[in-house]
Amino acid sequence: MDIKHEAIKKRFDLISRHLSEQARRLFVAAEAKALGAGGASIVSEITGVSRAVIAAGIKELEGPSTRKNAKKGRGP
């Protein structure tokens, strides 16, 4: 395992138990996107999170924000 992979594993191990399912999905998706091509497979192997879950997270990251409290524009 190279140093980037070890760093991903350490970050995931430190934070995953504190995350909601959605936040966990978005975290692994962001790590996969940062790695580029093949990132989902690598992150899946490192974290044990399925590639399907990572792919769903990537779709969420690339789609519009669905946060209920997200503001569409600046108010007065």
N, C-alpha and C. Protein backbone atom coordinates (compact mmCIF):
# COMPACT_ATOMS: atom_id res chain seq x y z
N MET A 1 0.86 -1.18 0.00
CA MET A 1 0.00 0.00 0.00
C MET A 1 0.90 1.24 0.00
N ASP A 2 0.64 2.15 -0.92
CA ASP A 2 1.48 3.34 -0.96
C ASP A 2 0.99 4.39 0.05
N ILE A 3 1.73 5.45 0.15
CA ILE A 3 1.45 6.46 1.18
C ILE A 3 0.08 7.11 1.02
N LYS A 4 -0.36 7.34 -0.24
CA LYS A 4 -1.70 7.92 -0.46
C LYS A 4 -2.78 6.99 0.07
N HIS A 5 -2.62 5.70 -0.20
CA HIS A 5 -3.61 4.71 0.24
C HIS A 5 -3.62 4.60 1.76
N GLU A 6 -2.45 4.66 2.36
CA GLU A 6 -2.38 4.62 3.83
C GLU A 6 -3.06 5.84 4.43
N ALA A 7 -2.89 6.99 3.79
CA ALA A 7 -3.52 8.22 4.29
C ALA A 7 -5.05 8.12 4.20
N ILE A 8 -5.55 7.57 3.11
CA ILE A 8 -7.00 7.39 2.96
C ILE A 8 -7.52 6.47 4.06
N LYS A 9 -6.83 5.36 4.28
CA LYS A 9 -7.26 4.40 5.30
C LYS A 9 -7.26 5.06 6.68
N LYS A 10 -6.22 5.81 6.98
CA LYS A 10 -6.15 6.46 8.29
C LYS A 10 -7.28 7.46 8.47
N ARG A 11 -7.54 8.32 7.45
CA ARG A 11 -8.64 9.29 7.54
C ARG A 11 -9.97 8.57 7.74
N PHE A 12 -10.20 7.52 6.93
CA PHE A 12 -11.46 6.79 7.02
C PHE A 12 -11.63 6.16 8.40
N ASP A 13 -10.56 5.51 8.89
CA ASP A 13 -10.63 4.86 10.20
C ASP A 13 -10.90 5.86 11.32
N LEU A 14 -10.33 7.05 11.20
CA LEU A 14 -10.50 8.07 12.24
C LEU A 14 -11.90 8.66 12.26
N ILE A 15 -12.50 8.85 11.11
CA ILE A 15 -13.74 9.63 11.05
C ILE A 15 -15.00 8.80 10.80
N SER A 16 -14.89 7.64 10.21
CA SER A 16 -16.08 6.92 9.73
C SER A 16 -17.12 6.66 10.81
N ARG A 17 -16.70 6.38 12.02
CA ARG A 17 -17.69 6.07 13.07
C ARG A 17 -18.47 7.30 13.52
N HIS A 18 -18.00 8.47 13.14
CA HIS A 18 -18.67 9.71 13.52
C HIS A 18 -19.61 10.23 12.43
N LEU A 19 -19.62 9.57 11.28
CA LEU A 19 -20.36 10.06 10.13
C LEU A 19 -21.71 9.38 9.97
N SER A 20 -22.67 10.12 9.46
CA SER A 20 -23.94 9.52 9.06
C SER A 20 -23.68 8.70 7.80
N GLU A 21 -24.64 7.92 7.40
CA GLU A 21 -24.48 7.11 6.19
C GLU A 21 -24.23 8.01 4.97
N GLN A 22 -24.95 9.11 4.85
CA GLN A 22 -24.75 10.00 3.72
C GLN A 22 -23.36 10.64 3.76
N ALA A 23 -22.95 11.10 4.93
CA ALA A 23 -21.64 11.73 5.05
C ALA A 23 -20.52 10.73 4.74
N ARG A 24 -20.70 9.50 5.18
CA ARG A 24 -19.72 8.45 4.89
C ARG A 24 -19.64 8.20 3.39
N ARG A 25 -20.79 8.14 2.75
CA ARG A 25 -20.86 7.93 1.29
C ARG A 25 -20.17 9.07 0.55
N LEU A 26 -20.42 10.30 0.98
CA LEU A 26 -19.79 11.46 0.34
C LEU A 26 -18.29 11.51 0.59
N PHE A 27 -17.88 11.11 1.77
CA PHE A 27 -16.44 11.08 2.09
C PHE A 27 -15.70 10.12 1.18
N VAL A 28 -16.19 8.88 1.06
CA VAL A 28 -15.48 7.91 0.21
C VAL A 28 -15.57 8.32 -1.25
N ALA A 29 -16.66 8.95 -1.66
CA ALA A 29 -16.80 9.41 -3.04
C ALA A 29 -15.77 10.50 -3.34
N ALA A 30 -15.59 11.42 -2.40
CA ALA A 30 -14.62 12.49 -2.59
C ALA A 30 -13.20 11.93 -2.68
N GLU A 31 -12.90 10.95 -1.86
CA GLU A 31 -11.58 10.32 -1.92
C GLU A 31 -11.38 9.63 -3.27
N ALA A 32 -12.42 8.95 -3.75
CA ALA A 32 -12.33 8.25 -5.04
C ALA A 32 -12.13 9.25 -6.18
N LYS A 33 -12.88 10.34 -6.16
CA LYS A 33 -12.73 11.35 -7.21
C LYS A 33 -11.35 11.98 -7.17
N ALA A 34 -10.80 12.19 -5.99
CA ALA A 34 -9.47 12.78 -5.87
C ALA A 34 -8.40 11.88 -6.48
N LEU A 35 -8.62 10.57 -6.44
CA LEU A 35 -7.66 9.64 -7.02
C LEU A 35 -7.76 9.56 -8.53
N GLY A 36 -8.92 9.89 -9.07
CA GLY A 36 -9.10 9.84 -10.52
C GLY A 36 -9.51 8.45 -10.99
N ALA A 37 -9.12 8.11 -12.23
CA ALA A 37 -9.51 6.83 -12.84
C ALA A 37 -9.14 5.67 -11.94
N GLY A 38 -10.10 4.79 -11.69
CA GLY A 38 -9.88 3.63 -10.83
C GLY A 38 -9.99 3.94 -9.35
N GLY A 39 -10.28 5.19 -9.03
CA GLY A 39 -10.34 5.59 -7.62
C GLY A 39 -11.39 4.86 -6.81
N ALA A 40 -12.55 4.59 -7.42
CA ALA A 40 -13.62 3.89 -6.68
C ALA A 40 -13.17 2.50 -6.28
N SER A 41 -12.49 1.80 -7.17
CA SER A 41 -12.01 0.45 -6.86
C SER A 41 -10.97 0.49 -5.74
N ILE A 42 -10.08 1.46 -5.81
CA ILE A 42 -9.03 1.59 -4.80
C ILE A 42 -9.63 1.91 -3.44
N VAL A 43 -10.53 2.89 -3.40
CA VAL A 43 -11.15 3.30 -2.13
C VAL A 43 -12.00 2.16 -1.57
N SER A 44 -12.67 1.44 -2.45
CA SER A 44 -13.46 0.29 -2.00
C SER A 44 -12.58 -0.76 -1.33
N GLU A 45 -11.46 -1.04 -1.94
CA GLU A 45 -10.53 -2.03 -1.38
C GLU A 45 -9.97 -1.57 -0.04
N ILE A 46 -9.65 -0.28 0.07
CA ILE A 46 -9.05 0.27 1.29
C ILE A 46 -10.06 0.32 2.44
N THR A 47 -11.30 0.75 2.14
CA THR A 47 -12.28 1.02 3.19
C THR A 47 -13.29 -0.09 3.42
N GLY A 48 -13.46 -0.95 2.43
CA GLY A 48 -14.49 -1.98 2.53
C GLY A 48 -15.87 -1.50 2.11
N VAL A 49 -15.97 -0.26 1.68
CA VAL A 49 -17.23 0.29 1.19
C VAL A 49 -17.39 -0.16 -0.27
N SER A 50 -18.57 -0.62 -0.63
CA SER A 50 -18.77 -1.14 -1.98
C SER A 50 -18.62 -0.06 -3.05
N ARG A 51 -18.24 -0.49 -4.24
CA ARG A 51 -18.12 0.45 -5.36
C ARG A 51 -19.48 1.05 -5.70
N ALA A 52 -20.56 0.30 -5.49
CA ALA A 52 -21.90 0.82 -5.75
C ALA A 52 -22.21 2.00 -4.83
N VAL A 53 -21.84 1.88 -3.57
CA VAL A 53 -22.06 2.97 -2.61
C VAL A 53 -21.20 4.18 -2.99
N ILE A 54 -19.97 3.93 -3.39
CA ILE A 54 -19.08 5.01 -3.80
C ILE A 54 -19.64 5.69 -5.05
N ALA A 55 -20.12 4.91 -6.00
CA ALA A 55 -20.71 5.48 -7.23
C ALA A 55 -21.93 6.34 -6.89
N ALA A 56 -22.74 5.89 -5.95
CA ALA A 56 -23.91 6.68 -5.53
C ALA A 56 -23.45 8.00 -4.91
N GLY A 57 -22.38 7.95 -4.13
CA GLY A 57 -21.83 9.17 -3.53
C GLY A 57 -21.29 10.12 -4.57
N ILE A 58 -20.66 9.59 -5.59
CA ILE A 58 -20.14 10.43 -6.67
C ILE A 58 -21.30 11.13 -7.39
N LYS A 59 -22.39 10.41 -7.63
CA LYS A 59 -23.56 11.03 -8.25
C LYS A 59 -24.08 12.17 -7.38
N GLU A 60 -24.09 11.96 -6.07
CA GLU A 60 -24.55 13.01 -5.16
C GLU A 60 -23.61 14.21 -5.20
N LEU A 61 -22.31 13.96 -5.23
CA LEU A 61 -21.34 15.06 -5.28
C LEU A 61 -21.47 15.87 -6.57
N GLU A 62 -21.74 15.19 -7.65
CA GLU A 62 -21.81 15.86 -8.95
C GLU A 62 -23.16 16.50 -9.23
N GLY A 63 -24.18 16.10 -8.48
CA GLY A 63 -25.52 16.64 -8.68
C GLY A 63 -25.72 17.93 -7.90
N PRO A 64 -26.90 18.50 -8.05
CA PRO A 64 -27.20 19.73 -7.30
C PRO A 64 -27.31 19.43 -5.81
N SER A 65 -27.05 20.42 -5.01
CA SER A 65 -27.15 20.27 -3.57
C SER A 65 -28.59 20.00 -3.19
N THR A 66 -28.79 19.07 -2.29
CA THR A 66 -30.15 18.75 -1.82
C THR A 66 -30.31 19.10 -0.34
N ARG A 67 -29.37 19.83 0.21
CA ARG A 67 -29.48 20.22 1.61
C ARG A 67 -30.72 21.06 1.81
N LYS A 68 -31.50 20.72 2.78
CA LYS A 68 -32.74 21.43 3.04
C LYS A 68 -32.50 22.88 3.44
N ASN A 69 -31.37 23.13 4.08
CA ASN A 69 -31.09 24.48 4.56
C ASN A 69 -30.21 25.28 3.61
N ALA A 70 -29.88 24.72 2.46
CA ALA A 70 -29.03 25.45 1.50
C ALA A 70 -29.81 26.63 0.94
N LYS A 71 -29.17 27.77 0.91
CA LYS A 71 -29.83 28.96 0.39
C LYS A 71 -29.53 29.11 -1.09
N LYS A 72 -30.53 29.50 -1.86
CA LYS A 72 -30.37 29.65 -3.30
C LYS A 72 -29.70 30.95 -3.65
N GLY A 73 -29.79 31.93 -2.84
CA GLY A 73 -29.19 33.23 -3.10
C GLY A 73 -29.02 33.98 -1.82
N ARG A 74 -28.40 35.11 -1.92
CA ARG A 74 -28.20 35.92 -0.72
C ARG A 74 -29.47 36.69 -0.42
N GLY A 75 -29.85 36.66 0.79
CA GLY A 75 -31.05 37.39 1.21
C GLY A 75 -30.70 38.74 1.79
N PRO A 76 -31.70 39.46 2.20
CA PRO A 76 -31.46 40.79 2.81
C PRO A 76 -30.72 40.70 4.11
